[in-house]
Amino acid sequence: MLELHKAIWRGWKGFSHKLMAAQNAVLMAGVYCFAITPVALFFKLTGKRLVQPPAIDPNAESYWEKRDDEPFDMDKAQRMF
């Protein structure tokens, strides 16, 4: 009897994982179609941008920012910010 229950359980687990994968695909497609697409179309039609590109200076030699190199020690490693 126990072997029958184990076999049924393994079958159910396999079926539920396949069902979960299909459900996930449907939900993600729904989120994309009903949430992301309308917002993107709104911004495209109004011409607004969420992220403004940085101003480019054609005369700039480099955009590299110099920083002061402090010696690395254990106190600095333990302090993230």
N, C-alpha and C. Protein backbone atom coordinates (compact mmCIF):
# COMPACT_ATOMS: atom_id res chain seq x y z
N MET A 1 0.82 -1.20 0.00
CA MET A 1 0.00 0.00 0.00
C MET A 1 0.86 1.26 0.00
N LEU A 2 1.97 1.19 0.76
CA LEU A 2 2.86 2.35 0.85
C LEU A 2 3.49 2.66 -0.51
N GLU A 3 3.85 1.63 -1.26
CA GLU A 3 4.46 1.83 -2.58
C GLU A 3 3.46 2.50 -3.53
N LEU A 4 2.19 2.13 -3.42
CA LEU A 4 1.16 2.75 -4.24
C LEU A 4 1.05 4.23 -3.93
N HIS A 5 1.07 4.57 -2.65
CA HIS A 5 0.98 5.98 -2.25
C HIS A 5 2.20 6.76 -2.74
N LYS A 6 3.39 6.13 -2.66
CA LYS A 6 4.60 6.80 -3.14
C LYS A 6 4.53 7.05 -4.65
N ALA A 7 4.02 6.06 -5.37
CA ALA A 7 3.91 6.20 -6.82
C ALA A 7 2.91 7.30 -7.18
N ILE A 8 1.80 7.34 -6.47
CA ILE A 8 0.81 8.39 -6.71
C ILE A 8 1.41 9.75 -6.37
N TRP A 9 2.15 9.84 -5.28
CA TRP A 9 2.75 11.10 -4.87
C TRP A 9 3.78 11.58 -5.90
N ARG A 10 4.62 10.68 -6.41
CA ARG A 10 5.61 11.06 -7.42
C ARG A 10 4.92 11.53 -8.70
N GLY A 11 3.86 10.86 -9.08
CA GLY A 11 3.10 11.29 -10.26
C GLY A 11 2.47 12.65 -10.07
N TRP A 12 1.91 12.87 -8.88
CA TRP A 12 1.28 14.15 -8.59
C TRP A 12 2.32 15.27 -8.60
N LYS A 13 3.51 15.02 -8.02
CA LYS A 13 4.56 16.03 -7.99
C LYS A 13 5.00 16.39 -9.41
N GLY A 14 5.16 15.40 -10.26
CA GLY A 14 5.55 15.67 -11.65
C GLY A 14 4.49 16.49 -12.37
N PHE A 15 3.21 16.11 -12.18
CA PHE A 15 2.13 16.87 -12.81
C PHE A 15 2.05 18.29 -12.27
N SER A 16 2.22 18.45 -10.96
CA SER A 16 2.08 19.79 -10.37
C SER A 16 3.22 20.70 -10.81
N HIS A 17 4.42 20.16 -11.01
CA HIS A 17 5.53 20.99 -11.48
C HIS A 17 5.28 21.47 -12.92
N LYS A 18 4.75 20.60 -13.75
CA LYS A 18 4.42 21.00 -15.12
C LYS A 18 3.29 22.03 -15.12
N LEU A 19 2.31 21.83 -14.27
CA LEU A 19 1.20 22.78 -14.15
C LEU A 19 1.70 24.13 -13.66
N MET A 20 2.63 24.12 -12.70
CA MET A 20 3.19 25.35 -12.17
C MET A 20 3.95 26.11 -13.26
N ALA A 21 4.72 25.40 -14.09
CA ALA A 21 5.46 26.05 -15.16
C ALA A 21 4.51 26.71 -16.15
N ALA A 22 3.43 26.03 -16.50
CA ALA A 22 2.45 26.60 -17.43
C ALA A 22 1.75 27.80 -16.80
N GLN A 23 1.38 27.68 -15.53
CA GLN A 23 0.71 28.78 -14.84
C GLN A 23 1.63 29.99 -14.75
N ASN A 24 2.91 29.77 -14.48
CA ASN A 24 3.86 30.86 -14.39
C ASN A 24 3.98 31.58 -15.73
N ALA A 25 4.03 30.83 -16.82
CA ALA A 25 4.13 31.45 -18.14
C ALA A 25 2.89 32.30 -18.44
N VAL A 26 1.74 31.78 -18.11
CA VAL A 26 0.49 32.53 -18.36
C VAL A 26 0.44 33.79 -17.51
N LEU A 27 0.80 33.69 -16.23
CA LEU A 27 0.76 34.87 -15.36
C LEU A 27 1.77 35.93 -15.79
N MET A 28 2.98 35.51 -16.16
CA MET A 28 3.98 36.48 -16.59
C MET A 28 3.57 37.15 -17.90
N ALA A 29 2.97 36.41 -18.81
CA ALA A 29 2.49 37.00 -20.05
C ALA A 29 1.37 37.99 -19.76
N GLY A 30 0.50 37.65 -18.81
CA GLY A 30 -0.57 38.58 -18.43
C GLY A 30 -0.03 39.85 -17.82
N VAL A 31 0.95 39.73 -16.95
CA VAL A 31 1.56 40.93 -16.35
C VAL A 31 2.18 41.79 -17.44
N TYR A 32 2.87 41.16 -18.37
CA TYR A 32 3.51 41.92 -19.43
C TYR A 32 2.46 42.63 -20.29
N CYS A 33 1.41 41.91 -20.67
CA CYS A 33 0.40 42.49 -21.57
C CYS A 33 -0.45 43.56 -20.90
N PHE A 34 -0.79 43.37 -19.63
CA PHE A 34 -1.74 44.26 -18.99
C PHE A 34 -1.11 45.29 -18.07
N ALA A 35 0.16 45.21 -17.82
CA ALA A 35 0.80 46.19 -16.94
C ALA A 35 1.92 46.93 -17.65
N ILE A 36 2.85 46.21 -18.21
CA ILE A 36 4.03 46.85 -18.79
C ILE A 36 3.72 47.48 -20.15
N THR A 37 2.99 46.80 -20.99
CA THR A 37 2.70 47.30 -22.33
C THR A 37 1.93 48.62 -22.31
N PRO A 38 0.85 48.78 -21.53
CA PRO A 38 0.16 50.07 -21.53
C PRO A 38 1.05 51.22 -21.03
N VAL A 39 1.87 50.96 -20.03
CA VAL A 39 2.75 52.02 -19.53
C VAL A 39 3.76 52.40 -20.60
N ALA A 40 4.32 51.42 -21.28
CA ALA A 40 5.29 51.70 -22.34
C ALA A 40 4.64 52.46 -23.48
N LEU A 41 3.44 52.08 -23.85
CA LEU A 41 2.73 52.80 -24.91
C LEU A 41 2.43 54.23 -24.50
N PHE A 42 2.05 54.44 -23.25
CA PHE A 42 1.79 55.80 -22.76
C PHE A 42 3.02 56.67 -22.89
N PHE A 43 4.15 56.17 -22.43
CA PHE A 43 5.37 56.96 -22.50
C PHE A 43 5.83 57.16 -23.94
N LYS A 44 5.61 56.17 -24.80
CA LYS A 44 5.99 56.29 -26.20
C LYS A 44 5.12 57.35 -26.89
N LEU A 45 3.82 57.35 -26.61
CA LEU A 45 2.92 58.30 -27.26
C LEU A 45 3.10 59.72 -26.74
N THR A 46 3.40 59.88 -25.47
CA THR A 46 3.58 61.22 -24.91
C THR A 46 4.99 61.74 -25.11
N GLY A 47 5.93 60.88 -25.48
CA GLY A 47 7.29 61.33 -25.71
C GLY A 47 8.10 61.52 -24.44
N LYS A 48 7.58 61.09 -23.31
CA LYS A 48 8.31 61.24 -22.05
C LYS A 48 9.33 60.12 -21.92
N ARG A 49 10.39 60.39 -21.14
CA ARG A 49 11.41 59.39 -20.89
C ARG A 49 11.56 59.22 -19.40
N LEU A 50 11.68 57.98 -18.97
CA LEU A 50 11.88 57.71 -17.55
C LEU A 50 13.33 57.93 -17.15
N VAL A 51 14.24 57.65 -18.05
CA VAL A 51 15.67 57.79 -17.76
C VAL A 51 16.25 58.75 -18.78
N GLN A 52 16.80 59.84 -18.30
CA GLN A 52 17.43 60.80 -19.19
C GLN A 52 18.89 60.41 -19.40
N PRO A 53 19.35 60.35 -20.62
CA PRO A 53 20.76 60.03 -20.85
C PRO A 53 21.64 61.17 -20.35
N PRO A 54 22.86 60.87 -19.94
CA PRO A 54 23.74 61.92 -19.47
C PRO A 54 24.15 62.85 -20.61
N ALA A 55 24.43 64.09 -20.25
CA ALA A 55 24.88 65.05 -21.24
C ALA A 55 26.27 64.64 -21.74
N ILE A 56 26.43 64.60 -23.04
CA ILE A 56 27.69 64.18 -23.63
C ILE A 56 28.46 65.41 -24.07
N ASP A 57 29.68 65.51 -23.58
CA ASP A 57 30.55 66.61 -23.95
C ASP A 57 31.52 66.11 -25.00
N PRO A 58 31.40 66.57 -26.25
CA PRO A 58 32.29 66.06 -27.29
C PRO A 58 33.75 66.46 -27.09
N ASN A 59 33.99 67.50 -26.30
CA ASN A 59 35.35 67.96 -26.06
C ASN A 59 36.00 67.29 -24.86
N ALA A 60 35.26 66.48 -24.15
CA ALA A 60 35.81 65.85 -22.94
C ALA A 60 36.82 64.77 -23.34
N GLU A 61 37.94 64.77 -22.65
CA GLU A 61 38.96 63.77 -22.93
C GLU A 61 38.54 62.41 -22.35
N SER A 62 37.89 62.44 -21.17
CA SER A 62 37.48 61.20 -20.51
C SER A 62 36.38 61.53 -19.51
N TYR A 63 35.55 60.56 -19.23
CA TYR A 63 34.53 60.72 -18.20
C TYR A 63 34.93 60.03 -16.91
N TRP A 64 36.15 59.59 -16.81
CA TRP A 64 36.66 58.90 -15.64
C TRP A 64 36.74 59.89 -14.49
N GLU A 65 36.24 59.48 -13.32
CA GLU A 65 36.30 60.34 -12.15
C GLU A 65 37.39 59.84 -11.22
N LYS A 66 38.31 60.72 -10.90
CA LYS A 66 39.40 60.35 -9.99
C LYS A 66 38.85 60.22 -8.58
N ARG A 67 39.40 59.30 -7.83
CA ARG A 67 39.01 59.15 -6.44
C ARG A 67 40.26 58.98 -5.60
N ASP A 68 40.13 59.32 -4.34
CA ASP A 68 41.25 59.18 -3.43
C ASP A 68 41.35 57.72 -3.00
N ASP A 69 42.49 57.14 -3.20
CA ASP A 69 42.69 55.76 -2.78
C ASP A 69 43.12 55.73 -1.33
N GLU A 70 42.20 55.29 -0.49
CA GLU A 70 42.52 55.15 0.93
C GLU A 70 43.10 53.76 1.16
N PRO A 71 43.97 53.62 2.11
CA PRO A 71 44.51 52.28 2.37
C PRO A 71 43.40 51.34 2.83
N PHE A 72 43.46 50.12 2.35
CA PHE A 72 42.44 49.13 2.67
C PHE A 72 42.86 48.40 3.95
N ASP A 73 41.97 48.43 4.94
CA ASP A 73 42.26 47.73 6.18
C ASP A 73 40.98 47.03 6.66
N MET A 74 41.07 46.31 7.75
CA MET A 74 39.93 45.53 8.23
C MET A 74 38.78 46.41 8.68
N ASP A 75 39.05 47.57 9.24
CA ASP A 75 37.97 48.47 9.66
C ASP A 75 37.14 48.90 8.45
N LYS A 76 37.82 49.21 7.36
CA LYS A 76 37.11 49.63 6.16
C LYS A 76 36.35 48.44 5.55
N ALA A 77 36.90 47.26 5.62
CA ALA A 77 36.23 46.08 5.09
C ALA A 77 34.96 45.74 5.86
N GLN A 78 34.96 45.98 7.16
CA GLN A 78 33.80 45.67 7.97
C GLN A 78 32.72 46.74 7.89
N ARG A 79 33.10 47.93 7.47
CA ARG A 79 32.17 49.06 7.36
C ARG A 79 31.80 49.22 5.90
N MET A 80 30.58 48.81 5.55
CA MET A 80 30.18 48.86 4.13
C MET A 80 30.04 50.28 3.61
N PHE A 81 29.47 51.17 4.40
CA PHE A 81 29.18 52.51 3.91
C PHE A 81 29.86 53.53 4.79
